[in-house]
Amino acid sequence: MTDHSGSCLCGTVRFEVYGDFDSFYLCHCQHCQKDTGSAYAANLFSRSAQLNWLAGADAVASFTLPGTRHSKSFCKQCGSALPNTQLAGALVVPAGCLDTEISVLPTAQIFSSSRAGWERALGEVPEFEGLPPERQ
């Protein structure tokens, strides 16, 4: 039985993950900010789970920042973040590429000293369930 399934934004790449995740980190480092274009990366890590590409394995590219352990995999068609096996002995799965529910809460927020300044005040920002009324 598949524990998790996921895909990229355009649907070219589809995958399954068999097994449990050991940790779930929200990383605020500057590398993660750059490669997500956001305040942090939300990644699940496992030393034992198995990744099975169902479709589009040939559309998956990987990039490792020279001189670092920072690596990411992505769809060549749409750029969506995808599971990565470049970190020795670990499977790294971006939480946002999963199509199944994640039943665990994040383990920790890491590199919080690099947190984006605008993220610190999010509790004061209005929330909408969809587009704000003036954008609809």
C-alpha atoms as a PDB file:
ATOM      1  CA  MET A   1       0.000   0.000   0.000  1.00  0.00           C
ATOM      2  CA  THR A   2       1.221   3.485  -0.866  1.00  0.00           C
ATOM      3  CA  ASP A   3       1.817   5.684   2.154  1.00  0.00           C
ATOM      4  CA  HIS A   4       1.978   8.909   0.134  1.00  0.00           C
ATOM      5  CA  SER A   5       1.587   9.972  -3.467  1.00  0.00           C
ATOM      6  CA  GLY A   6       2.453  13.204  -5.166  1.00  0.00           C
ATOM      7  CA  SER A   7       2.966  15.054  -8.412  1.00  0.00           C
ATOM      8  CA  CYS A   8       4.282  18.224  -9.979  1.00  0.00           C
ATOM      9  CA  LEU A   9       2.131  21.211 -10.911  1.00  0.00           C
ATOM     10  CA  CYS A  10       1.763  20.248 -14.589  1.00  0.00           C
ATOM     11  CA  GLY A  11       1.160  16.552 -13.858  1.00  0.00           C
ATOM     12  CA  THR A  12       4.103  15.300 -15.920  1.00  0.00           C
ATOM     13  CA  VAL A  13       5.758  13.749 -12.863  1.00  0.00           C
ATOM     14  CA  ARG A  14       3.926  11.423 -10.482  1.00  0.00           C
ATOM     15  CA  PHE A  15       5.391   9.364  -7.642  1.00  0.00           C
ATOM     16  CA  GLU A  16       4.666   7.226  -4.594  1.00  0.00           C
ATOM     17  CA  VAL A  17       6.466   7.033  -1.261  1.00  0.00           C
ATOM     18  CA  TYR A  18       6.392   3.831   0.788  1.00  0.00           C
ATOM     19  CA  GLY A  19       7.351   4.200   4.446  1.00  0.00           C
ATOM     20  CA  ASP A  20       7.424   6.721   7.243  1.00  0.00           C
ATOM     21  CA  PHE A  21       9.003  10.138   7.499  1.00  0.00           C
ATOM     22  CA  ASP A  22      11.514  10.659  10.322  1.00  0.00           C
ATOM     23  CA  SER A  23      11.291  14.436  10.465  1.00  0.00           C
ATOM     24  CA  PHE A  24       9.512  17.424   8.970  1.00  0.00           C
ATOM     25  CA  TYR A  25      11.495  20.658   8.958  1.00  0.00           C
ATOM     26  CA  LEU A  26      10.556  24.205   8.011  1.00  0.00           C
ATOM     27  CA  CYS A  27      13.912  25.608   6.927  1.00  0.00           C
ATOM     28  CA  HIS A  28      14.402  29.388   6.901  1.00  0.00           C
ATOM     29  CA  CYS A  29      17.977  29.374   5.525  1.00  0.00           C
ATOM     30  CA  GLN A  30      18.778  31.702   2.644  1.00  0.00           C
ATOM     31  CA  HIS A  31      19.332  28.767   0.259  1.00  0.00           C
ATOM     32  CA  CYS A  32      15.798  27.487   0.911  1.00  0.00           C
ATOM     33  CA  GLN A  33      14.378  30.998   0.556  1.00  0.00           C
ATOM     34  CA  LYS A  34      16.031  31.315  -2.857  1.00  0.00           C
ATOM     35  CA  ASP A  35      15.007  27.925  -4.212  1.00  0.00           C
ATOM     36  CA  THR A  36      11.383  28.185  -3.026  1.00  0.00           C
ATOM     37  CA  GLY A  37      10.949  31.887  -3.676  1.00  0.00           C
ATOM     38  CA  SER A  38       9.280  32.071  -0.285  1.00  0.00           C
ATOM     39  CA  ALA A  39      10.023  32.455   3.431  1.00  0.00           C
ATOM     40  CA  TYR A  40      11.002  28.825   4.016  1.00  0.00           C
ATOM     41  CA  ALA A  41      11.076  25.310   2.610  1.00  0.00           C
ATOM     42  CA  ALA A  42       8.821  22.632   4.134  1.00  0.00           C
ATOM     43  CA  ASN A  43      10.569  19.274   3.686  1.00  0.00           C
ATOM     44  CA  LEU A  44       9.942  15.777   5.010  1.00  0.00           C
ATOM     45  CA  PHE A  45      12.968  13.532   5.584  1.00  0.00           C
ATOM     46  CA  SER A  46      13.244   9.740   5.744  1.00  0.00           C
ATOM     47  CA  ARG A  47      16.151   7.321   6.006  1.00  0.00           C
ATOM     48  CA  SER A  48      13.958   4.270   5.290  1.00  0.00           C
ATOM     49  CA  ALA A  49      11.097   5.286   2.944  1.00  0.00           C
ATOM     50  CA  GLN A  50      11.242   4.170  -0.670  1.00  0.00           C
ATOM     51  CA  LEU A  51      10.506   6.419  -3.657  1.00  0.00           C
ATOM     52  CA  ASN A  52       8.816   5.034  -6.762  1.00  0.00           C
ATOM     53  CA  TRP A  53       8.440   7.234  -9.851  1.00  0.00           C
ATOM     54  CA  LEU A  54       5.112   6.430 -11.559  1.00  0.00           C
ATOM     55  CA  ALA A  55       5.464   8.832 -14.497  1.00  0.00           C
ATOM     56  CA  GLY A  56       7.842  11.461 -15.789  1.00  0.00           C
ATOM     57  CA  ALA A  57      11.081  10.259 -14.168  1.00  0.00           C
ATOM     58  CA  ASP A  58      12.914  11.562 -17.251  1.00  0.00           C
ATOM     59  CA  ALA A  59      11.471  15.036 -16.557  1.00  0.00           C
ATOM     60  CA  VAL A  60      13.108  15.220 -13.113  1.00  0.00           C
ATOM     61  CA  ALA A  61      16.272  17.315 -12.838  1.00  0.00           C
ATOM     62  CA  SER A  62      18.430  17.909  -9.772  1.00  0.00           C
ATOM     63  CA  PHE A  63      20.692  20.740  -8.718  1.00  0.00           C
ATOM     64  CA  THR A  64      23.251  20.834  -5.911  1.00  0.00           C
ATOM     65  CA  LEU A  65      24.666  24.198  -4.913  1.00  0.00           C
ATOM     66  CA  PRO A  66      28.449  23.872  -5.345  1.00  0.00           C
ATOM     67  CA  GLY A  67      30.342  23.673  -2.087  1.00  0.00           C
ATOM     68  CA  THR A  68      27.222  22.861  -0.033  1.00  0.00           C
ATOM     69  CA  ARG A  69      24.914  19.969   0.826  1.00  0.00           C
ATOM     70  CA  HIS A  70      21.969  22.035  -0.439  1.00  0.00           C
ATOM     71  CA  SER A  71      20.243  20.114  -3.211  1.00  0.00           C
ATOM     72  CA  LYS A  72      16.827  20.089  -4.843  1.00  0.00           C
ATOM     73  CA  SER A  73      14.997  18.158  -7.534  1.00  0.00           C
ATOM     74  CA  PHE A  74      12.362  19.668  -9.780  1.00  0.00           C
ATOM     75  CA  CYS A  75      10.214  19.082 -12.862  1.00  0.00           C
ATOM     76  CA  LYS A  76      11.931  20.254 -16.067  1.00  0.00           C
ATOM     77  CA  GLN A  77       8.511  21.256 -17.493  1.00  0.00           C
ATOM     78  CA  CYS A  78       6.961  23.352 -14.711  1.00  0.00           C
ATOM     79  CA  GLY A  79       9.742  23.797 -12.141  1.00  0.00           C
ATOM     80  CA  SER A  80       7.808  22.242  -9.251  1.00  0.00           C
ATOM     81  CA  ALA A  81       9.889  20.928  -6.358  1.00  0.00           C
ATOM     82  CA  LEU A  82      10.041  17.122  -6.238  1.00  0.00           C
ATOM     83  CA  PRO A  83      11.511  14.380  -4.026  1.00  0.00           C
ATOM     84  CA  ASN A  84      15.277  14.370  -3.831  1.00  0.00           C
ATOM     85  CA  THR A  85      17.680  11.519  -3.108  1.00  0.00           C
ATOM     86  CA  GLN A  86      20.876  13.562  -3.424  1.00  0.00           C
ATOM     87  CA  LEU A  87      21.418  13.790   0.379  1.00  0.00           C
ATOM     88  CA  ALA A  88      23.388  10.662   1.289  1.00  0.00           C
ATOM     89  CA  GLY A  89      21.153   8.053   2.883  1.00  0.00           C
ATOM     90  CA  ALA A  90      18.028  10.202   2.968  1.00  0.00           C
ATOM     91  CA  LEU A  91      14.920  10.865   0.944  1.00  0.00           C
ATOM     92  CA  VAL A  92      13.819  14.506   1.056  1.00  0.00           C
ATOM     93  CA  VAL A  93      10.217  15.201   0.002  1.00  0.00           C
ATOM     94  CA  PRO A  94       8.907  18.767  -0.336  1.00  0.00           C
ATOM     95  CA  ALA A  95       5.635  18.777   1.602  1.00  0.00           C
ATOM     96  CA  GLY A  96       3.836  20.800  -1.072  1.00  0.00           C
ATOM     97  CA  CYS A  97       4.321  18.198  -3.802  1.00  0.00           C
ATOM     98  CA  LEU A  98       2.363  15.549  -1.902  1.00  0.00           C
ATOM     99  CA  ASP A  99      -1.214  14.909  -3.005  1.00  0.00           C
ATOM    100  CA  THR A 100      -1.953  12.937   0.167  1.00  0.00           C
ATOM    101  CA  GLU A 101      -2.516  14.417   3.608  1.00  0.00           C
ATOM    102  CA  ILE A 102       0.490  14.791   5.899  1.00  0.00           C
ATOM    103  CA  SER A 103      -0.473  13.497   9.328  1.00  0.00           C
ATOM    104  CA  VAL A 104       2.535  14.839  11.247  1.00  0.00           C
ATOM    105  CA  LEU A 105       3.247  18.354  12.422  1.00  0.00           C
ATOM    106  CA  PRO A 106       6.601  19.946  11.630  1.00  0.00           C
ATOM    107  CA  THR A 107       9.378  18.655  13.886  1.00  0.00           C
ATOM    108  CA  ALA A 108      11.071  22.045  14.084  1.00  0.00           C
ATOM    109  CA  GLN A 109      11.770  25.326  12.351  1.00  0.00           C
ATOM    110  CA  ILE A 110      15.464  25.491  11.510  1.00  0.00           C
ATOM    111  CA  PHE A 111      17.834  28.332  10.606  1.00  0.00           C
ATOM    112  CA  SER A 112      15.322  30.679  12.225  1.00  0.00           C
ATOM    113  CA  SER A 113      18.008  33.367  12.522  1.00  0.00           C
ATOM    114  CA  SER A 114      17.667  33.745   8.733  1.00  0.00           C
ATOM    115  CA  ARG A 115      13.878  34.164   8.911  1.00  0.00           C
ATOM    116  CA  ALA A 116      12.578  36.694   6.366  1.00  0.00           C
ATOM    117  CA  GLY A 117      11.733  40.013   8.037  1.00  0.00           C
ATOM    118  CA  TRP A 118       8.275  40.154   6.466  1.00  0.00           C
ATOM    119  CA  GLU A 119       7.454  36.690   7.827  1.00  0.00           C
ATOM    120  CA  ARG A 120       7.831  37.834  11.451  1.00  0.00           C
ATOM    121  CA  ALA A 121       4.608  39.894  11.304  1.00  0.00           C
ATOM    122  CA  LEU A 122       2.307  37.391   9.546  1.00  0.00           C
ATOM    123  CA  GLY A 123      -0.016  37.223  12.545  1.00  0.00           C
ATOM    124  CA  GLU A 124      -1.036  40.815  11.790  1.00  0.00           C
ATOM    125  CA  VAL A 125      -1.853  40.187   8.107  1.00  0.00           C
ATOM    126  CA  PRO A 126      -5.512  39.647   7.050  1.00  0.00           C
ATOM    127  CA  GLU A 127      -6.468  36.138   5.885  1.00  0.00           C
ATOM    128  CA  PHE A 128      -8.856  35.139   3.083  1.00  0.00           C
ATOM    129  CA  GLU A 129     -10.043  31.650   2.102  1.00  0.00           C
ATOM    130  CA  GLY A 130      -9.537  32.557  -1.557  1.00  0.00           C
ATOM    131  CA  LEU A 131      -8.591  35.684  -3.481  1.00  0.00           C
ATOM    132  CA  PRO A 132      -9.234  38.954  -1.642  1.00  0.00           C
ATOM    133  CA  PRO A 133     -12.508  40.596  -2.762  1.00  0.00           C
ATOM    134  CA  GLU A 134     -10.741  43.319  -4.789  1.00  0.00           C
ATOM    135  CA  ARG A 135      -8.842  40.624  -6.812  1.00  0.00           C
ATOM    136  CA  GLN A 136     -11.818  38.451  -7.796  1.00  0.00           C
END
